Amino acid sequence: MPKIKTNRSAAKRFKITGSGKVRRGKGWHSHLLSKKNPKRKRRLRQFALVCKTDMKRVRRLIPNSF
């Protein structure tokens, strides 16, 4: 049986933490930034964790990381 290929675009977007959770970047921080206040832009720089309901999909996209 062949190996499962990693989805390369997903591998660049998600990182696995030491405890096995999946980290993702937040959206809405690429352009049209002049209308967003500094507090909002600061929060968008932070990483977020992938929610429990989406974990199954992410694990399928990056199987070799777990």
PDB file of N, CA and C in Angstrom:
ATOM      1  N   MET A   1       0.845  -1.183   0.000  1.00  0.00           N
ATOM      2  CA  MET A   1       0.000   0.000   0.000  1.00  0.00           C
ATOM      3  C   MET A   1       0.891   1.247   0.000  1.00  0.00           C
ATOM      4  N   PRO A   2       0.595   2.239  -0.858  1.00  0.00           N
ATOM      5  CA  PRO A   2       1.471   3.409  -0.938  1.00  0.00           C
ATOM      6  C   PRO A   2       1.344   4.318   0.278  1.00  0.00           C
ATOM      7  N   LYS A   3       2.377   5.092   0.482  1.00  0.00           N
ATOM      8  CA  LYS A   3       2.358   6.061   1.579  1.00  0.00           C
ATOM      9  C   LYS A   3       1.354   7.157   1.275  1.00  0.00           C
ATOM     10  N   ILE A   4       0.843   7.800   2.316  1.00  0.00           N
ATOM     11  CA  ILE A   4      -0.083   8.917   2.140  1.00  0.00           C
ATOM     12  C   ILE A   4       0.735  10.181   1.926  1.00  0.00           C
ATOM     13  N   LYS A   5       0.414  10.919   0.867  1.00  0.00           N
ATOM     14  CA  LYS A   5       1.140  12.147   0.583  1.00  0.00           C
ATOM     15  C   LYS A   5       0.650  13.270   1.471  1.00  0.00           C
ATOM     16  N   THR A   6       1.575  14.113   1.916  1.00  0.00           N
ATOM     17  CA  THR A   6       1.243  15.299   2.685  1.00  0.00           C
ATOM     18  C   THR A   6       0.787  16.398   1.739  1.00  0.00           C
ATOM     19  N   ASN A   7      -0.280  17.082   2.089  1.00  0.00           N
ATOM     20  CA  ASN A   7      -0.710  18.250   1.328  1.00  0.00           C
ATOM     21  C   ASN A   7       0.248  19.387   1.657  1.00  0.00           C
ATOM     22  N   ARG A   8       1.039  19.818   0.663  1.00  0.00           N
ATOM     23  CA  ARG A   8       2.116  20.764   0.920  1.00  0.00           C
ATOM     24  C   ARG A   8       1.610  22.141   1.319  1.00  0.00           C
ATOM     25  N   SER A   9       0.488  22.570   0.782  1.00  0.00           N
ATOM     26  CA  SER A   9      -0.034  23.882   1.164  1.00  0.00           C
ATOM     27  C   SER A   9      -0.507  23.864   2.617  1.00  0.00           C
ATOM     28  N   ALA A  10      -1.072  22.741   3.049  1.00  0.00           N
ATOM     29  CA  ALA A  10      -1.509  22.632   4.441  1.00  0.00           C
ATOM     30  C   ALA A  10      -0.306  22.540   5.380  1.00  0.00           C
ATOM     31  N   ALA A  11       0.760  21.874   4.934  1.00  0.00           N
ATOM     32  CA  ALA A  11       1.949  21.728   5.771  1.00  0.00           C
ATOM     33  C   ALA A  11       2.597  23.080   6.053  1.00  0.00           C
ATOM     34  N   LYS A  12       2.448  24.043   5.116  1.00  0.00           N
ATOM     35  CA  LYS A  12       3.011  25.372   5.326  1.00  0.00           C
ATOM     36  C   LYS A  12       2.131  26.229   6.222  1.00  0.00           C
ATOM     37  N   ARG A  13       0.865  25.900   6.311  1.00  0.00           N
ATOM     38  CA  ARG A  13      -0.071  26.723   7.086  1.00  0.00           C
ATOM     39  C   ARG A  13      -0.222  26.266   8.532  1.00  0.00           C
ATOM     40  N   PHE A  14       0.007  24.993   8.796  1.00  0.00           N
ATOM     41  CA  PHE A  14      -0.212  24.436  10.128  1.00  0.00           C
ATOM     42  C   PHE A  14       1.078  23.913  10.716  1.00  0.00           C
ATOM     43  N   LYS A  15       1.242  24.074  12.024  1.00  0.00           N
ATOM     44  CA  LYS A  15       2.390  23.511  12.746  1.00  0.00           C
ATOM     45  C   LYS A  15       1.850  22.721  13.937  1.00  0.00           C
ATOM     46  N   ILE A  16       2.554  21.662  14.284  1.00  0.00           N
ATOM     47  CA  ILE A  16       2.153  20.823  15.407  1.00  0.00           C
ATOM     48  C   ILE A  16       2.910  21.270  16.645  1.00  0.00           C
ATOM     49  N   THR A  17       2.194  21.472  17.748  1.00  0.00           N
ATOM     50  CA  THR A  17       2.843  21.857  18.999  1.00  0.00           C
ATOM     51  C   THR A  17       3.413  20.608  19.675  1.00  0.00           C
ATOM     52  N   GLY A  18       4.143  20.812  20.726  1.00  0.00           N
ATOM     53  CA  GLY A  18       4.743  19.691  21.443  1.00  0.00           C
ATOM     54  C   GLY A  18       3.723  18.759  22.057  1.00  0.00           C
ATOM     55  N   SER A  19       2.562  19.297  22.433  1.00  0.00           N
ATOM     56  CA  SER A  19       1.526  18.471  23.050  1.00  0.00           C
ATOM     57  C   SER A  19       0.595  17.839  22.020  1.00  0.00           C
ATOM     58  N   GLY A  20       0.851  18.098  20.721  1.00  0.00           N
ATOM     59  CA  GLY A  20       0.046  17.467  19.681  1.00  0.00           C
ATOM     60  C   GLY A  20      -1.099  18.313  19.158  1.00  0.00           C
ATOM     61  N   LYS A  21      -1.231  19.524  19.660  1.00  0.00           N
ATOM     62  CA  LYS A  21      -2.268  20.411  19.138  1.00  0.00           C
ATOM     63  C   LYS A  21      -1.764  21.040  17.840  1.00  0.00           C
ATOM     64  N   VAL A  22      -2.676  21.585  17.065  1.00  0.00           N
ATOM     65  CA  VAL A  22      -2.304  22.165  15.771  1.00  0.00           C
ATOM     66  C   VAL A  22      -2.448  23.673  15.847  1.00  0.00           C
ATOM     67  N   ARG A  23      -1.396  24.367  15.450  1.00  0.00           N
ATOM     68  CA  ARG A  23      -1.352  25.824  15.494  1.00  0.00           C
ATOM     69  C   ARG A  23      -1.600  26.375  14.097  1.00  0.00           C
ATOM     70  N   ARG A  24      -2.327  27.473  14.013  1.00  0.00           N
ATOM     71  CA  ARG A  24      -2.612  28.091  12.721  1.00  0.00           C
ATOM     72  C   ARG A  24      -2.475  29.595  12.853  1.00  0.00           C
ATOM     73  N   GLY A  25      -2.224  30.252  11.732  1.00  0.00           N
ATOM     74  CA  GLY A  25      -2.191  31.705  11.709  1.00  0.00           C
ATOM     75  C   GLY A  25      -3.586  32.259  11.508  1.00  0.00           C
ATOM     76  N   LYS A  26      -3.804  33.490  11.904  1.00  0.00           N
ATOM     77  CA  LYS A  26      -5.113  34.113  11.728  1.00  0.00           C
ATOM     78  C   LYS A  26      -5.168  34.844  10.391  1.00  0.00           C
ATOM     79  N   GLY A  27      -6.349  34.946   9.864  1.00  0.00           N
ATOM     80  CA  GLY A  27      -6.558  35.616   8.592  1.00  0.00           C
ATOM     81  C   GLY A  27      -6.810  37.100   8.773  1.00  0.00           C
ATOM     82  N   TRP A  28      -7.154  37.791   7.685  1.00  0.00           N
ATOM     83  CA  TRP A  28      -7.523  39.205   7.674  1.00  0.00           C
ATOM     84  C   TRP A  28      -6.377  40.118   8.078  1.00  0.00           C
ATOM     85  N   HIS A  29      -5.126  39.701   7.820  1.00  0.00           N
ATOM     86  CA  HIS A  29      -3.996  40.541   8.214  1.00  0.00           C
ATOM     87  C   HIS A  29      -3.055  40.790   7.049  1.00  0.00           C
ATOM     88  N   SER A  30      -3.573  40.725   5.822  1.00  0.00           N
ATOM     89  CA  SER A  30      -2.689  40.860   4.672  1.00  0.00           C
ATOM     90  C   SER A  30      -2.794  42.214   3.985  1.00  0.00           C
ATOM     91  N   HIS A  31      -3.984  42.790   3.912  1.00  0.00           N
ATOM     92  CA  HIS A  31      -4.128  44.090   3.260  1.00  0.00           C
ATOM     93  C   HIS A  31      -5.347  44.807   3.849  1.00  0.00           C
ATOM     94  N   LEU A  32      -5.565  46.035   3.418  1.00  0.00           N
ATOM     95  CA  LEU A  32      -6.625  46.903   3.973  1.00  0.00           C
ATOM     96  C   LEU A  32      -6.437  47.088   5.477  1.00  0.00           C
ATOM     97  N   LEU A  33      -5.199  47.354   5.872  1.00  0.00           N
ATOM     98  CA  LEU A  33      -4.881  47.425   7.298  1.00  0.00           C
ATOM     99  C   LEU A  33      -5.107  48.809   7.881  1.00  0.00           C
ATOM    100  N   SER A  34      -5.283  49.815   7.039  1.00  0.00           N
ATOM    101  CA  SER A  34      -5.408  51.178   7.570  1.00  0.00           C
ATOM    102  C   SER A  34      -6.701  51.372   8.334  1.00  0.00           C
ATOM    103  N   LYS A  35      -7.729  50.627   7.986  1.00  0.00           N
ATOM    104  CA  LYS A  35      -9.009  50.768   8.685  1.00  0.00           C
ATOM    105  C   LYS A  35      -9.094  49.936   9.965  1.00  0.00           C
ATOM    106  N   LYS A  36      -8.125  49.065  10.175  1.00  0.00           N
ATOM    107  CA  LYS A  36      -8.134  48.218  11.366  1.00  0.00           C
ATOM    108  C   LYS A  36      -7.316  48.886  12.467  1.00  0.00           C
ATOM    109  N   ASN A  37      -7.842  48.865  13.679  1.00  0.00           N
ATOM    110  CA  ASN A  37      -7.139  49.547  14.766  1.00  0.00           C
ATOM    111  C   ASN A  37      -5.932  48.723  15.235  1.00  0.00           C
ATOM    112  N   PRO A  38      -4.964  49.363  15.891  1.00  0.00           N
ATOM    113  CA  PRO A  38      -3.724  48.667  16.272  1.00  0.00           C
ATOM    114  C   PRO A  38      -3.951  47.448  17.156  1.00  0.00           C
ATOM    115  N   LYS A  39      -4.929  47.513  18.037  1.00  0.00           N
ATOM    116  CA  LYS A  39      -5.189  46.376  18.916  1.00  0.00           C
ATOM    117  C   LYS A  39      -5.628  45.154  18.101  1.00  0.00           C
ATOM    118  N   ARG A  40      -6.466  45.393  17.112  1.00  0.00           N
ATOM    119  CA  ARG A  40      -6.938  44.300  16.260  1.00  0.00           C
ATOM    120  C   ARG A  40      -5.792  43.711  15.439  1.00  0.00           C
ATOM    121  N   LYS A  41      -4.919  44.560  14.903  1.00  0.00           N
ATOM    122  CA  LYS A  41      -3.783  44.077  14.116  1.00  0.00           C
ATOM    123  C   LYS A  41      -2.799  43.297  14.977  1.00  0.00           C
ATOM    124  N   ARG A  42      -2.626  43.734  16.225  1.00  0.00           N
ATOM    125  CA  ARG A  42      -1.759  43.008  17.156  1.00  0.00           C
ATOM    126  C   ARG A  42      -2.310  41.620  17.426  1.00  0.00           C
ATOM    127  N   ARG A  43      -3.616  41.518  17.636  1.00  0.00           N
ATOM    128  CA  ARG A  43      -4.238  40.219  17.900  1.00  0.00           C
ATOM    129  C   ARG A  43      -4.153  39.304  16.683  1.00  0.00           C
ATOM    130  N   LEU A  44      -4.205  39.875  15.490  1.00  0.00           N
ATOM    131  CA  LEU A  44      -4.133  39.061  14.275  1.00  0.00           C
ATOM    132  C   LEU A  44      -2.742  38.487  14.042  1.00  0.00           C
ATOM    133  N   ARG A  45      -1.711  39.074  14.680  1.00  0.00           N
ATOM    134  CA  ARG A  45      -0.358  38.520  14.561  1.00  0.00           C
ATOM    135  C   ARG A  45      -0.184  37.253  15.389  1.00  0.00           C
ATOM    136  N   GLN A  46      -1.022  37.059  16.389  1.00  0.00           N
ATOM    137  CA  GLN A  46      -0.897  35.909  17.280  1.00  0.00           C
ATOM    138  C   GLN A  46      -1.351  34.635  16.573  1.00  0.00           C
ATOM    139  N   PHE A  47      -0.900  33.510  17.050  1.00  0.00           N
ATOM    140  CA  PHE A  47      -1.342  32.231  16.521  1.00  0.00           C
ATOM    141  C   PHE A  47      -2.564  31.759  17.277  1.00  0.00           C
ATOM    142  N   ALA A  48      -3.361  30.928  16.641  1.00  0.00           N
ATOM    143  CA  ALA A  48      -4.530  30.328  17.270  1.00  0.00           C
ATOM    144  C   ALA A  48      -4.412  28.816  17.123  1.00  0.00           C
ATOM    145  N   LEU A  49      -5.185  28.099  17.891  1.00  0.00           N
ATOM    146  CA  LEU A  49      -5.205  26.646  17.792  1.00  0.00           C
ATOM    147  C   LEU A  49      -6.380  26.223  16.929  1.00  0.00           C
ATOM    148  N   VAL A  50      -6.188  25.161  16.170  1.00  0.00           N
ATOM    149  CA  VAL A  50      -7.270  24.622  15.357  1.00  0.00           C
ATOM    150  C   VAL A  50      -8.287  23.991  16.296  1.00  0.00           C
ATOM    151  N   CYS A  51      -9.568  24.263  16.059  1.00  0.00           N
ATOM    152  CA  CYS A  51     -10.599  23.754  16.966  1.00  0.00           C
ATOM    153  C   CYS A  51     -10.752  22.239  16.802  1.00  0.00           C
ATOM    154  N   LYS A  52     -11.346  21.648  17.788  1.00  0.00           N
ATOM    155  CA  LYS A  52     -11.453  20.195  17.882  1.00  0.00           C
ATOM    156  C   LYS A  52     -12.213  19.599  16.694  1.00  0.00           C
ATOM    157  N   THR A  53     -13.205  20.319  16.184  1.00  0.00           N
ATOM    158  CA  THR A  53     -14.024  19.790  15.092  1.00  0.00           C
ATOM    159  C   THR A  53     -13.272  19.739  13.766  1.00  0.00           C
ATOM    160  N   ASP A  54     -12.251  20.585  13.591  1.00  0.00           N
ATOM    161  CA  ASP A  54     -11.486  20.600  12.344  1.00  0.00           C
ATOM    162  C   ASP A  54     -10.233  19.734  12.401  1.00  0.00           C
ATOM    163  N   MET A  55      -9.913  19.184  13.560  1.00  0.00           N
ATOM    164  CA  MET A  55      -8.682  18.423  13.728  1.00  0.00           C
ATOM    165  C   MET A  55      -8.620  17.208  12.804  1.00  0.00           C
ATOM    166  N   LYS A  56      -9.759  16.533  12.578  1.00  0.00           N
ATOM    167  CA  LYS A  56      -9.777  15.340  11.743  1.00  0.00           C
ATOM    168  C   LYS A  56      -9.360  15.692  10.312  1.00  0.00           C
ATOM    169  N   ARG A  57      -9.846  16.834   9.808  1.00  0.00           N
ATOM    170  CA  ARG A  57      -9.500  17.272   8.459  1.00  0.00           C
ATOM    171  C   ARG A  57      -8.017  17.614   8.351  1.00  0.00           C
ATOM    172  N   VAL A  58      -7.495  18.302   9.368  1.00  0.00           N
ATOM    173  CA  VAL A  58      -6.090  18.715   9.326  1.00  0.00           C
ATOM    174  C   VAL A  58      -5.180  17.505   9.434  1.00  0.00           C
ATOM    175  N   ARG A  59      -5.532  16.559  10.263  1.00  0.00           N
ATOM    176  CA  ARG A  59      -4.726  15.339  10.399  1.00  0.00           C
ATOM    177  C   ARG A  59      -4.659  14.565   9.084  1.00  0.00           C
ATOM    178  N   ARG A  60      -5.741  14.606   8.310  1.00  0.00           N
ATOM    179  CA  ARG A  60      -5.750  13.929   7.015  1.00  0.00           C
ATOM    180  C   ARG A  60      -4.850  14.634   6.019  1.00  0.00           C
ATOM    181  N   LEU A  61      -4.726  15.966   6.142  1.00  0.00           N
ATOM    182  CA  LEU A  61      -3.910  16.731   5.205  1.00  0.00           C
ATOM    183  C   LEU A  61      -2.420  16.605   5.507  1.00  0.00           C
ATOM    184  N   ILE A  62      -2.068  16.543   6.806  1.00  0.00           N
ATOM    185  CA  ILE A  62      -0.653  16.422   7.184  1.00  0.00           C
ATOM    186  C   ILE A  62      -0.445  15.182   8.055  1.00  0.00           C
ATOM    187  N   PRO A  63      -0.538  13.990   7.462  1.00  0.00           N
ATOM    188  CA  PRO A  63      -0.514  12.763   8.260  1.00  0.00           C
ATOM    189  C   PRO A  63       0.837  12.431   8.871  1.00  0.00           C
ATOM    190  N   ASN A  64       1.940  12.834   8.242  1.00  0.00           N
ATOM    191  CA  ASN A  64       3.262  12.430   8.710  1.00  0.00           C
ATOM    192  C   ASN A  64       3.757  13.268   9.872  1.00  0.00           C
ATOM    193  N   SER A  65       3.023  14.303  10.243  1.00  0.00           N
ATOM    194  CA  SER A  65       3.482  15.176  11.320  1.00  0.00           C
ATOM    195  C   SER A  65       3.079  14.672  12.694  1.00  0.00           C
ATOM    196  N   PHE A  66       2.111  13.772  12.758  1.00  0.00           N
ATOM    197  CA  PHE A  66       1.604  13.328  14.056  1.00  0.00           C
ATOM    198  C   PHE A  66       2.281  12.069  14.514  1.00  0.00           C
TER     199      PHE A  66
END
